[in-house]
N, C-alpha and C. Protein backbone atom coordinates (compact mmCIF):
# COMPACT_ATOMS: atom_id res chain seq x y z
N UNK A 1 -169.99 -129.08 111.72
CA UNK A 1 -169.64 -130.61 111.50
C UNK A 1 -169.61 -131.19 112.93
N UNK A 2 -170.40 -132.21 113.00
CA UNK A 2 -170.38 -132.97 114.09
C UNK A 2 -169.85 -134.47 114.25
N UNK A 3 -168.60 -134.50 114.90
CA UNK A 3 -167.75 -135.58 114.88
C UNK A 3 -168.60 -136.86 115.56
N UNK A 4 -168.39 -138.08 115.01
CA UNK A 4 -168.76 -139.20 115.70
C UNK A 4 -167.57 -140.30 115.83
N UNK A 5 -166.72 -140.15 116.91
CA UNK A 5 -165.45 -140.90 116.85
C UNK A 5 -165.64 -142.22 117.84
N UNK A 6 -165.94 -143.19 117.00
CA UNK A 6 -166.35 -144.35 117.72
C UNK A 6 -165.27 -145.14 118.36
N UNK A 7 -164.04 -144.85 117.87
CA UNK A 7 -162.84 -145.69 118.51
C UNK A 7 -162.51 -144.86 119.85
N UNK A 8 -162.84 -143.53 119.78
CA UNK A 8 -162.57 -142.91 121.06
C UNK A 8 -163.46 -143.19 122.12
N UNK A 9 -165.01 -143.70 121.94
CA UNK A 9 -165.66 -144.21 122.94
C UNK A 9 -165.20 -145.28 123.34
N UNK A 10 -164.68 -146.31 122.47
CA UNK A 10 -163.96 -147.55 122.98
C UNK A 10 -163.04 -147.48 123.89
N UNK A 11 -162.01 -146.58 123.83
CA UNK A 11 -161.00 -146.29 124.35
C UNK A 11 -161.08 -145.76 125.76
N UNK A 12 -162.12 -145.03 125.97
CA UNK A 12 -162.61 -144.53 127.32
C UNK A 12 -163.53 -145.55 128.00
N UNK A 13 -163.76 -146.61 127.59
CA UNK A 13 -164.48 -147.74 128.21
C UNK A 13 -166.00 -147.25 128.30
N UNK A 14 -166.49 -146.54 127.32
CA UNK A 14 -167.98 -146.12 127.39
C UNK A 14 -168.66 -146.84 126.40
N UNK A 15 -168.48 -148.15 126.06
CA UNK A 15 -169.07 -149.04 124.97
C UNK A 15 -170.68 -148.97 125.41
N UNK A 16 -170.95 -149.22 126.60
CA UNK A 16 -172.41 -149.32 126.96
C UNK A 16 -173.08 -147.88 126.39
N UNK A 17 -172.43 -146.71 126.43
CA UNK A 17 -173.18 -145.49 125.93
C UNK A 17 -173.08 -145.19 124.52
N UNK A 18 -172.40 -145.95 123.77
CA UNK A 18 -172.11 -145.66 122.37
C UNK A 18 -173.45 -145.55 121.62
N UNK A 19 -174.51 -146.34 121.95
CA UNK A 19 -175.72 -146.42 121.29
C UNK A 19 -176.47 -144.87 121.52
N UNK A 20 -176.37 -144.53 122.91
CA UNK A 20 -176.81 -143.31 123.19
C UNK A 20 -176.32 -141.97 122.71
N UNK A 21 -174.78 -142.18 122.47
CA UNK A 21 -174.16 -141.11 121.63
C UNK A 21 -174.39 -141.17 120.28
N UNK A 22 -174.51 -142.23 119.70
CA UNK A 22 -174.98 -142.12 118.16
C UNK A 22 -176.40 -141.43 118.19
N UNK A 23 -177.51 -141.84 118.92
CA UNK A 23 -178.67 -141.06 119.00
C UNK A 23 -178.64 -139.54 119.13
N UNK A 24 -177.91 -139.15 120.22
CA UNK A 24 -177.57 -138.02 120.57
C UNK A 24 -176.93 -137.01 119.34
N UNK A 25 -176.00 -137.66 118.50
CA UNK A 25 -175.45 -137.04 117.56
C UNK A 25 -176.52 -136.85 116.29
N UNK A 26 -176.99 -137.69 115.95
CA UNK A 26 -178.16 -137.77 114.75
C UNK A 26 -179.28 -136.52 115.23
N UNK A 27 -179.67 -136.70 116.53
CA UNK A 27 -180.75 -135.90 117.00
C UNK A 27 -180.22 -134.43 117.13
N UNK A 28 -179.10 -133.93 117.30
CA UNK A 28 -178.55 -132.75 117.24
C UNK A 28 -178.35 -132.25 116.00
N UNK A 29 -177.85 -133.21 114.99
CA UNK A 29 -177.69 -132.70 113.50
C UNK A 29 -179.03 -132.59 112.98
N UNK A 30 -180.15 -133.10 113.45
CA UNK A 30 -181.29 -132.79 112.91
C UNK A 30 -181.91 -131.27 113.25
N UNK A 31 -181.73 -131.01 114.68
CA UNK A 31 -182.22 -129.77 115.26
C UNK A 31 -181.34 -128.74 114.46
N UNK A 32 -180.11 -129.00 114.22
CA UNK A 32 -179.41 -127.76 113.67
C UNK A 32 -179.15 -127.67 112.26
N UNK A 33 -180.05 -128.63 111.60
CA UNK A 33 -179.84 -128.85 110.13
C UNK A 33 -179.78 -127.36 109.43
N UNK A 34 -179.10 -127.15 108.41
CA UNK A 34 -178.20 -128.17 107.83
C UNK A 34 -177.09 -128.43 108.35
N UNK A 35 -176.51 -129.66 108.51
CA UNK A 35 -175.39 -130.05 109.30
C UNK A 35 -174.74 -131.23 108.70
N UNK A 36 -173.60 -131.56 109.14
CA UNK A 36 -172.74 -132.79 108.74
C UNK A 36 -172.18 -133.54 109.74
N UNK A 37 -172.51 -134.92 109.77
CA UNK A 37 -172.04 -135.75 110.61
C UNK A 37 -170.75 -136.45 110.17
N UNK A 38 -169.66 -136.43 110.68
CA UNK A 38 -168.50 -136.98 110.48
C UNK A 38 -168.21 -138.15 110.99
N UNK A 39 -168.09 -139.17 110.55
CA UNK A 39 -167.86 -140.49 111.39
C UNK A 39 -166.41 -141.08 110.73
N UNK A 40 -165.52 -140.78 111.64
CA UNK A 40 -164.17 -141.34 111.49
C UNK A 40 -163.72 -142.61 111.82
N UNK A 41 -162.95 -143.49 111.07
CA UNK A 41 -162.83 -144.80 111.17
C UNK A 41 -164.08 -145.67 111.30
N UNK A 42 -164.91 -145.32 110.17
CA UNK A 42 -166.30 -145.89 110.04
C UNK A 42 -166.22 -147.45 109.98
N UNK A 43 -165.27 -148.09 109.58
CA UNK A 43 -165.08 -149.42 109.44
C UNK A 43 -164.90 -150.20 110.78
N UNK A 44 -164.58 -149.28 111.88
CA UNK A 44 -164.50 -149.92 113.37
C UNK A 44 -165.90 -150.30 113.72
N UNK A 45 -167.00 -149.45 113.15
CA UNK A 45 -168.22 -149.69 113.64
C UNK A 45 -169.13 -150.39 112.49
N UNK A 46 -168.97 -150.10 111.38
CA UNK A 46 -170.03 -150.66 110.32
C UNK A 46 -169.07 -151.56 109.43
N UNK A 47 -168.28 -152.28 109.94
CA UNK A 47 -167.57 -153.29 109.10
C UNK A 47 -168.54 -154.53 108.67
N UNK A 48 -168.10 -155.38 107.79
CA UNK A 48 -169.01 -156.43 107.39
C UNK A 48 -169.50 -157.35 108.44
N UNK A 49 -170.65 -157.71 108.23
CA UNK A 49 -171.42 -158.66 109.17
C UNK A 49 -170.86 -160.03 109.52
N UNK A 50 -170.11 -160.56 108.52
CA UNK A 50 -169.68 -161.84 108.69
C UNK A 50 -168.16 -161.88 109.46
N UNK A 51 -167.64 -160.72 109.68
CA UNK A 51 -166.51 -160.57 110.52
C UNK A 51 -166.57 -161.39 111.70
N UNK A 52 -165.67 -162.33 111.81
CA UNK A 52 -165.79 -163.19 113.08
C UNK A 52 -165.31 -162.40 114.38
N UNK A 53 -165.94 -162.81 115.50
CA UNK A 53 -165.70 -162.31 116.76
C UNK A 53 -166.21 -160.82 117.31
N UNK A 54 -167.24 -160.62 116.33
CA UNK A 54 -168.13 -159.31 116.74
C UNK A 54 -169.01 -159.58 117.81
N UNK A 55 -168.79 -158.64 118.69
CA UNK A 55 -169.50 -158.54 119.98
C UNK A 55 -170.97 -158.03 119.94
N UNK A 56 -171.71 -158.61 120.70
CA UNK A 56 -173.39 -158.17 120.81
C UNK A 56 -173.44 -156.91 120.67
N UNK A 57 -172.74 -156.03 121.64
CA UNK A 57 -172.78 -154.60 121.58
C UNK A 57 -172.50 -153.92 120.38
N UNK A 58 -171.53 -154.61 119.71
CA UNK A 58 -171.18 -153.84 118.19
C UNK A 58 -172.14 -154.10 117.43
N UNK A 59 -172.89 -154.94 117.40
CA UNK A 59 -174.02 -155.49 116.63
C UNK A 59 -175.27 -154.49 116.94
N UNK A 60 -175.49 -154.06 118.19
CA UNK A 60 -176.51 -153.28 118.71
C UNK A 60 -176.08 -151.94 118.14
N UNK A 61 -174.92 -151.43 118.34
CA UNK A 61 -174.38 -150.18 117.99
C UNK A 61 -174.42 -150.00 116.36
N UNK A 62 -174.26 -150.89 115.81
CA UNK A 62 -174.35 -150.93 114.10
C UNK A 62 -175.80 -150.69 113.68
N UNK A 63 -176.69 -151.37 114.42
CA UNK A 63 -178.16 -151.34 114.31
C UNK A 63 -178.77 -149.95 114.55
N UNK A 64 -178.35 -149.31 115.82
CA UNK A 64 -178.56 -148.03 116.02
C UNK A 64 -178.09 -146.93 115.15
N UNK A 65 -176.84 -147.09 114.49
CA UNK A 65 -176.32 -146.12 113.50
C UNK A 65 -177.37 -146.25 112.36
N UNK A 66 -177.28 -147.33 111.85
CA UNK A 66 -178.24 -147.73 110.79
C UNK A 66 -179.71 -147.03 110.77
N UNK A 67 -180.37 -147.41 111.83
CA UNK A 67 -181.77 -146.94 112.15
C UNK A 67 -181.75 -145.55 112.16
N UNK A 68 -180.77 -144.72 112.88
CA UNK A 68 -180.85 -143.33 112.75
C UNK A 68 -180.47 -142.76 111.45
N UNK A 69 -179.63 -143.26 110.81
CA UNK A 69 -179.20 -142.97 109.32
C UNK A 69 -180.43 -143.16 108.48
N UNK A 70 -181.02 -144.25 108.40
CA UNK A 70 -182.09 -144.58 107.65
C UNK A 70 -183.25 -143.48 108.08
N UNK A 71 -183.37 -142.92 109.24
CA UNK A 71 -184.34 -142.06 109.56
C UNK A 71 -184.10 -140.64 108.89
N UNK A 72 -183.01 -140.36 108.55
CA UNK A 72 -182.69 -138.98 107.82
C UNK A 72 -183.45 -139.17 106.52
N UNK A 73 -183.58 -140.31 105.90
CA UNK A 73 -184.11 -140.49 104.67
C UNK A 73 -185.54 -140.16 104.62
N UNK A 74 -186.45 -140.09 105.72
CA UNK A 74 -187.70 -139.76 105.68
C UNK A 74 -188.08 -138.37 106.15
N UNK A 75 -187.13 -137.84 106.26
CA UNK A 75 -187.33 -136.06 106.85
C UNK A 75 -186.65 -135.32 105.50
N UNK A 76 -187.50 -135.01 104.68
CA UNK A 76 -186.97 -134.31 103.35
C UNK A 76 -186.49 -132.98 103.60
N UNK A 77 -186.87 -132.30 104.62
CA UNK A 77 -186.78 -130.83 104.83
C UNK A 77 -185.20 -130.84 105.64
N UNK A 78 -184.97 -131.84 106.29
CA UNK A 78 -183.57 -131.71 107.24
C UNK A 78 -182.49 -131.99 106.08
N UNK A 79 -181.66 -131.31 106.16
CA UNK A 79 -180.32 -131.43 105.33
C UNK A 79 -179.36 -131.96 106.21
N UNK A 80 -179.30 -133.01 106.67
CA UNK A 80 -178.33 -133.79 107.24
C UNK A 80 -177.33 -134.75 106.41
N UNK A 81 -176.16 -134.40 106.32
CA UNK A 81 -175.32 -135.16 105.45
C UNK A 81 -174.38 -136.14 106.31
N UNK A 82 -174.03 -137.48 105.76
CA UNK A 82 -173.17 -138.08 106.73
C UNK A 82 -171.98 -138.37 105.83
N UNK A 83 -170.74 -138.00 106.34
CA UNK A 83 -169.57 -137.95 105.65
C UNK A 83 -168.67 -139.04 106.42
N UNK A 84 -168.10 -140.02 105.76
CA UNK A 84 -167.24 -141.16 106.51
C UNK A 84 -165.90 -141.18 106.05
N UNK A 85 -165.06 -141.69 106.89
CA UNK A 85 -163.67 -141.81 106.43
C UNK A 85 -163.11 -143.06 106.89
N UNK A 86 -162.37 -143.74 106.18
CA UNK A 86 -161.91 -145.25 106.47
C UNK A 86 -160.69 -145.37 105.73
N UNK A 87 -159.61 -146.39 106.26
CA UNK A 87 -158.62 -146.76 105.50
C UNK A 87 -158.63 -148.06 105.06
N UNK A 88 -160.02 -148.68 105.41
CA UNK A 88 -160.24 -150.07 104.96
C UNK A 88 -161.68 -150.05 104.41
N UNK A 89 -161.75 -149.39 103.11
CA UNK A 89 -163.28 -149.49 102.40
C UNK A 89 -163.68 -150.90 102.07
N UNK A 90 -162.67 -151.85 101.79
CA UNK A 90 -163.15 -153.20 101.49
C UNK A 90 -163.61 -153.90 102.68
N UNK A 91 -163.63 -153.57 103.97
CA UNK A 91 -164.04 -154.09 104.96
C UNK A 91 -165.38 -153.61 105.54
N UNK A 92 -165.99 -152.60 104.76
CA UNK A 92 -167.27 -151.98 104.98
C UNK A 92 -168.32 -153.08 104.80
N UNK A 93 -169.51 -152.99 105.41
CA UNK A 93 -170.66 -153.70 105.04
C UNK A 93 -171.05 -153.31 103.79
N UNK A 94 -171.70 -154.16 102.82
CA UNK A 94 -172.25 -153.73 101.62
C UNK A 94 -173.52 -152.74 101.70
N UNK A 95 -174.25 -152.58 102.79
CA UNK A 95 -175.16 -152.04 103.17
C UNK A 95 -174.93 -150.52 103.37
N UNK A 96 -173.68 -150.49 103.91
CA UNK A 96 -173.19 -149.26 104.36
C UNK A 96 -172.70 -148.46 103.01
N UNK A 97 -171.82 -149.33 102.20
CA UNK A 97 -171.36 -148.84 100.97
C UNK A 97 -172.55 -148.38 100.01
N UNK A 98 -173.59 -148.97 99.98
CA UNK A 98 -174.79 -148.49 99.23
C UNK A 98 -175.47 -147.30 99.66
N UNK A 99 -175.52 -147.20 101.03
CA UNK A 99 -175.98 -146.11 101.57
C UNK A 99 -175.00 -144.55 101.13
N UNK A 100 -173.83 -144.73 101.48
CA UNK A 100 -172.99 -143.76 101.32
C UNK A 100 -172.79 -143.36 99.78
N UNK A 101 -173.06 -144.34 98.95
CA UNK A 101 -172.83 -143.95 97.32
C UNK A 101 -174.08 -143.31 97.10
N UNK A 102 -175.34 -143.80 97.70
CA UNK A 102 -176.72 -143.25 97.25
C UNK A 102 -177.10 -141.96 97.87
N UNK A 103 -176.59 -141.74 98.82
CA UNK A 103 -177.10 -140.27 99.62
C UNK A 103 -176.39 -139.49 99.32
């Protein structure tokens, strides 16, 4: 299992590296498939789009995650699963909820 702990990256002041970290986790998961990517506190990264005060870096990070996640769908032979945890499921973006239910 590959953990993707976004709040940890925020607390370490590595916001600029979050996109690279997301890409690295998805890339590694694909290389060692079958694998599981565990996203803790997913609402901190993939919350609703209309949430006020969202930073541009957060938007880019969300796009990076969604792009990599969608890329998994195009690779039928790779068995990479995304498991997400949240205490605030109603704060998640609808596209994320659809993706978690569908995949």
